Protein backbone atom coordinates (compact mmCIF):
# COMPACT_ATOMS: atom_id res chain seq x y z
CA UNK A 1 4.84 63.50 143.02
CA UNK A 2 5.71 60.22 144.52
CA UNK A 3 7.73 59.32 147.62
CA UNK A 4 7.91 56.75 150.47
CA UNK A 5 8.74 57.43 154.16
CA UNK A 6 9.98 54.19 155.98
CA UNK A 7 8.83 53.64 159.51
CA UNK A 8 10.81 55.59 162.13
CA UNK A 9 12.49 57.85 159.53
CA UNK A 10 12.76 61.61 160.00
CA UNK A 11 11.92 63.42 156.69
CA UNK A 12 12.16 67.18 156.12
CA UNK A 13 10.18 68.80 153.31
CA UNK A 14 12.36 71.92 152.22
CA UNK A 15 11.34 74.41 149.71
CA UNK A 16 10.08 78.04 149.00
CA UNK A 17 6.60 79.28 149.85
CA UNK A 18 3.88 78.09 147.45
CA UNK A 19 5.63 74.71 146.54
CA UNK A 20 3.12 72.53 148.39
CA UNK A 21 4.93 71.54 151.46
CA UNK A 22 2.07 72.39 153.82
CA UNK A 23 -0.51 70.94 151.37
CA UNK A 24 1.33 67.66 151.49
CA UNK A 25 1.29 67.73 155.27
CA UNK A 26 -2.34 68.43 155.37
CA UNK A 27 -3.21 65.72 152.88
CA UNK A 28 -1.20 63.18 154.96
CA UNK A 29 -3.18 64.43 157.97
CA UNK A 30 -6.38 63.75 156.15
CA UNK A 31 -7.49 67.42 156.48
CA UNK A 32 -7.38 67.93 152.72
CA UNK A 33 -8.29 65.53 149.92
CA UNK A 34 -5.74 65.17 147.06
CA UNK A 35 -6.93 66.01 143.54
CA UNK A 36 -5.38 62.85 142.38
CA UNK A 37 -3.35 59.90 143.96
CA UNK A 38 -3.48 58.51 147.43
CA UNK A 39 -1.60 58.47 150.74
CA UNK A 40 -1.14 55.10 152.24
CA UNK A 41 -0.13 54.71 155.91
CA UNK A 42 0.47 51.19 157.41
CA UNK A 43 -1.18 49.67 154.29
CA UNK A 44 -4.33 51.66 154.72
CA UNK A 45 -5.40 54.59 152.41
CA UNK A 46 -5.84 57.82 154.36
CA UNK A 47 -9.34 59.11 153.81
CA UNK A 48 -9.59 61.51 156.77
CA UNK A 49 -8.09 62.48 160.06
CA UNK A 50 -7.17 59.60 162.48
CA UNK A 51 -5.47 58.91 165.76
CA UNK A 52 -2.54 57.23 163.95
CA UNK A 53 -1.44 60.78 162.91
CA UNK A 54 -0.78 63.94 164.90
CA UNK A 55 -0.15 67.53 163.57
CA UNK A 56 1.85 70.25 165.09
CA UNK A 57 1.49 73.71 163.55
CA UNK A 58 3.57 76.87 163.49
CA UNK A 59 0.81 78.48 165.66
CA UNK A 60 0.62 76.93 169.02
CA UNK A 61 -3.10 76.40 168.96
CA UNK A 62 -3.41 76.07 172.72
CA UNK A 63 -6.68 76.70 174.55
CA UNK A 64 -6.01 79.81 176.68
CA UNK A 65 -8.56 78.77 179.46
CA UNK A 66 -6.90 75.46 180.06
CA UNK A 67 -3.72 74.70 181.92
CA UNK A 68 -0.64 72.96 180.37
CA UNK A 69 -1.79 69.77 181.81
CA UNK A 70 -5.38 70.11 180.53
CA UNK A 71 -4.19 71.14 177.05
CA UNK A 72 -2.03 68.18 176.74
CA UNK A 73 -4.71 65.65 177.83
CA UNK A 74 -7.58 67.34 175.73
CA UNK A 75 -7.53 64.83 172.91
CA UNK A 76 -7.64 61.97 175.44
CA UNK A 77 -10.51 63.69 177.45
CA UNK A 78 -12.71 63.99 174.31
CA UNK A 79 -12.01 60.29 173.41
CA UNK A 80 -13.58 59.31 176.71
CA UNK A 81 -10.56 58.04 178.62
CA UNK A 82 -10.77 58.11 182.40
CA UNK A 83 -9.30 61.05 184.21
CA UNK A 84 -6.73 59.05 186.08
CA UNK A 85 -5.46 57.32 182.95
CA UNK A 86 -5.28 60.45 180.77
CA UNK A 87 -3.57 62.50 183.48
CA UNK A 88 -0.88 59.82 183.84
CA UNK A 89 -0.18 59.79 180.17
CA UNK A 90 -0.24 63.61 179.77
CA UNK A 91 2.21 63.95 182.79
CA UNK A 92 4.56 61.52 181.16
CA UNK A 93 4.49 63.46 177.85
CA UNK A 94 4.94 66.79 179.66
CA UNK A 95 8.04 65.37 181.51
CA UNK A 96 9.37 64.09 178.10
CA UNK A 97 9.36 67.51 176.56
CA UNK A 98 11.07 69.06 179.58
CA UNK A 99 7.96 70.90 181.16
CA UNK A 100 7.58 68.96 184.36
CA UNK A 101 6.63 71.46 187.08
CA UNK A 102 4.61 73.67 184.66
CA UNK A 103 1.47 71.48 184.61
CA UNK A 104 -0.71 74.06 186.38
CA UNK A 105 0.56 77.11 184.23
CA UNK A 106 -1.68 78.71 181.57
CA UNK A 107 -0.52 79.47 178.06
CA UNK A 108 -0.11 83.29 178.75
CA UNK A 109 2.14 82.49 181.70
CA UNK A 110 4.75 80.62 179.62
CA UNK A 111 7.08 81.57 176.73
CA UNK A 112 6.39 80.85 173.07
CA UNK A 113 9.04 78.08 173.04
CA UNK A 114 7.42 76.46 176.07
CA UNK A 115 4.06 76.78 174.39
CA UNK A 116 5.39 74.94 171.37
CA UNK A 117 6.68 72.15 173.65
CA UNK A 118 3.11 71.83 175.10
CA UNK A 119 1.89 71.45 171.41
CA UNK A 120 4.32 68.71 170.91
CA UNK A 121 3.33 66.87 174.11
CA UNK A 122 -0.28 67.17 173.07
CA UNK A 123 0.58 65.54 169.72
CA UNK A 124 2.37 62.65 171.42
CA UNK A 125 -0.24 61.72 173.94
CA UNK A 126 -2.17 59.50 171.44
CA UNK A 127 0.98 57.68 170.49
CA UNK A 128 0.63 58.44 166.72
CA UNK A 129 2.43 56.40 164.05
CA UNK A 130 3.12 59.55 162.13
CA UNK A 131 3.99 62.96 163.47
CA UNK A 132 3.47 65.77 161.08
CA UNK A 133 5.10 69.22 161.78
CA UNK A 134 4.33 72.26 159.86
CA UNK A 135 7.20 74.76 160.55
CA UNK A 136 6.70 74.39 164.23
CA UNK A 137 9.67 76.45 165.24
CA UNK A 138 9.30 79.35 162.72
CA UNK A 139 7.72 81.77 165.24
CA UNK A 140 10.46 81.51 167.94
CA UNK A 141 13.84 83.18 168.18
CA UNK A 142 16.95 81.53 166.88
CA UNK A 143 18.34 80.35 170.36
CA UNK A 144 14.91 78.98 171.32
CA UNK A 145 14.64 77.29 167.84
CA UNK A 146 17.96 75.47 168.39
CA UNK A 147 16.92 74.39 171.90
CA UNK A 148 13.65 73.11 170.40
CA UNK A 149 15.46 71.31 167.63
CA UNK A 150 17.60 69.53 170.13
CA UNK A 151 14.68 68.58 172.24
CA UNK A 152 12.74 67.28 169.39
CA UNK A 153 15.66 64.98 168.37
CA UNK A 154 15.80 63.65 171.89
CA UNK A 155 12.02 62.87 171.83
CA UNK A 156 12.32 61.33 168.47
CA UNK A 157 15.24 59.23 169.46
CA UNK A 158 13.31 57.84 172.42
CA UNK A 159 10.03 57.27 170.58
CA UNK A 160 11.30 56.49 167.09
CA UNK A 161 8.09 57.73 165.54
CA UNK A 162 7.93 58.59 161.80
CA UNK A 163 8.17 62.28 161.33
CA UNK A 164 7.47 64.60 158.32
CA UNK A 165 8.74 68.06 159.03
CA UNK A 166 8.23 71.13 157.00
CA UNK A 167 10.88 73.98 157.00
CA UNK A 168 12.31 76.88 154.97
CA UNK A 169 15.56 76.52 156.65
CA UNK A 170 18.28 74.47 155.04
CA UNK A 171 20.33 74.03 158.26
CA UNK A 172 17.27 73.05 160.21
CA UNK A 173 16.42 70.29 157.58
CA UNK A 174 19.90 68.88 157.53
CA UNK A 175 20.39 68.96 161.27
CA UNK A 176 17.14 67.10 161.92
CA UNK A 177 16.53 64.72 159.03
CA UNK A 178 17.56 61.40 157.72
CA UNK A 179 16.35 62.67 154.37
CA UNK A 180 15.60 66.12 152.91
CA UNK A 181 13.14 66.20 150.21
CA UNK A 182 13.66 69.45 148.19
CA UNK A 183 10.69 70.98 146.55
CA UNK A 184 10.13 73.59 143.85
CA UNK A 185 7.21 75.86 143.16
CA UNK A 186 5.30 76.56 139.99
CA UNK A 187 4.42 73.89 139.65
CA UNK A 188 5.04 72.25 142.97
CA UNK A 189 7.27 69.20 142.49
CA UNK A 190 10.16 67.28 144.09
CA UNK A 191 13.47 68.17 142.61
CA UNK A 192 15.85 66.19 144.78
CA UNK A 193 15.82 63.59 147.52
CA UNK A 194 18.84 63.93 149.66
CA UNK A 195 20.12 61.37 152.10
CA UNK A 196 21.54 62.94 155.23
CA UNK A 197 24.33 60.54 156.04
CA UNK A 198 25.49 62.16 159.29
CA UNK A 199 26.02 60.20 162.51
CA UNK A 200 23.46 60.33 165.36
CA UNK A 201 23.01 61.50 167.93
CA UNK A 202 23.66 64.95 166.49
CA UNK A 203 23.00 66.88 169.66
CA UNK A 204 26.18 65.79 171.26
CA UNK A 205 28.62 67.67 169.08
CA UNK A 206 28.71 70.61 166.69
CA UNK A 207 27.66 68.84 163.49
CA UNK A 208 26.96 72.14 161.69
CA UNK A 209 30.65 72.85 161.68
CA UNK A 210 31.67 69.67 159.86
CA UNK A 211 32.74 69.47 156.17
CA UNK A 212 30.00 66.91 155.64
CA UNK A 213 27.29 69.32 156.74
CA UNK A 214 28.62 71.92 154.53
CA UNK A 215 28.54 69.69 151.56
CA UNK A 216 24.86 68.80 152.21
CA UNK A 217 24.10 72.55 152.59
CA UNK A 218 25.59 73.19 149.17
CA UNK A 219 23.58 70.41 147.63
CA UNK A 220 20.42 71.84 148.96
CA UNK A 221 21.31 75.40 147.93
CA UNK A 222 21.92 74.03 144.45
CA UNK A 223 18.61 72.08 144.29
CA UNK A 224 16.79 75.25 145.47
CA UNK A 225 18.62 77.62 143.11
CA UNK A 226 19.74 79.46 146.34
CA UNK A 227 16.40 80.78 146.87
CA UNK A 228 16.15 79.72 150.55
CA UNK A 229 18.61 81.07 153.21
CA UNK A 230 20.40 78.60 155.51
């Protein structure tokens, strides 16, 4: 498969289990080597993990013995950055994801949605060119998921980082993305690349109720053979 993601674009990978969405994300992150072909980021071939990319998983992956602040600053700490500098950066990212005031809390003291925000802040501290997100909101309830979607869009609008986001949800993909890349399993391949021509910002009105959103939902369903629920 072959596709390009322009700088500052938000792309969603949509498809059933086993189609290779997560594998693509892991290859882009440099965690897995492709059997053939290459991934190029900023004119450089990806050969392994790097600070120009950050990965957010479905599982929060927080260190339970570290506070919110110390989880967020962890990557900066191991890179050797001074305490004062890394604390300032971590506090700014914590504020950006709406967790100001929770810096001293531990993971077990905050909700799943808040833990995922910590994961997002941790990914942002190193100012990556590419943010890779593998079904980050799949483990939370629907109301929390919608809140996190809005907050992610606000963060993306401010930072304008390139995002590749994996999801099983048609509505989530359309709501978030500039493009939806629809994939199919057995063998894993891209079956359609759909441009989401909906105005931004999308968190300011009920975009999901529009006729245009409904048409995009129908296109995604057709491409998937109606195997993935909205």
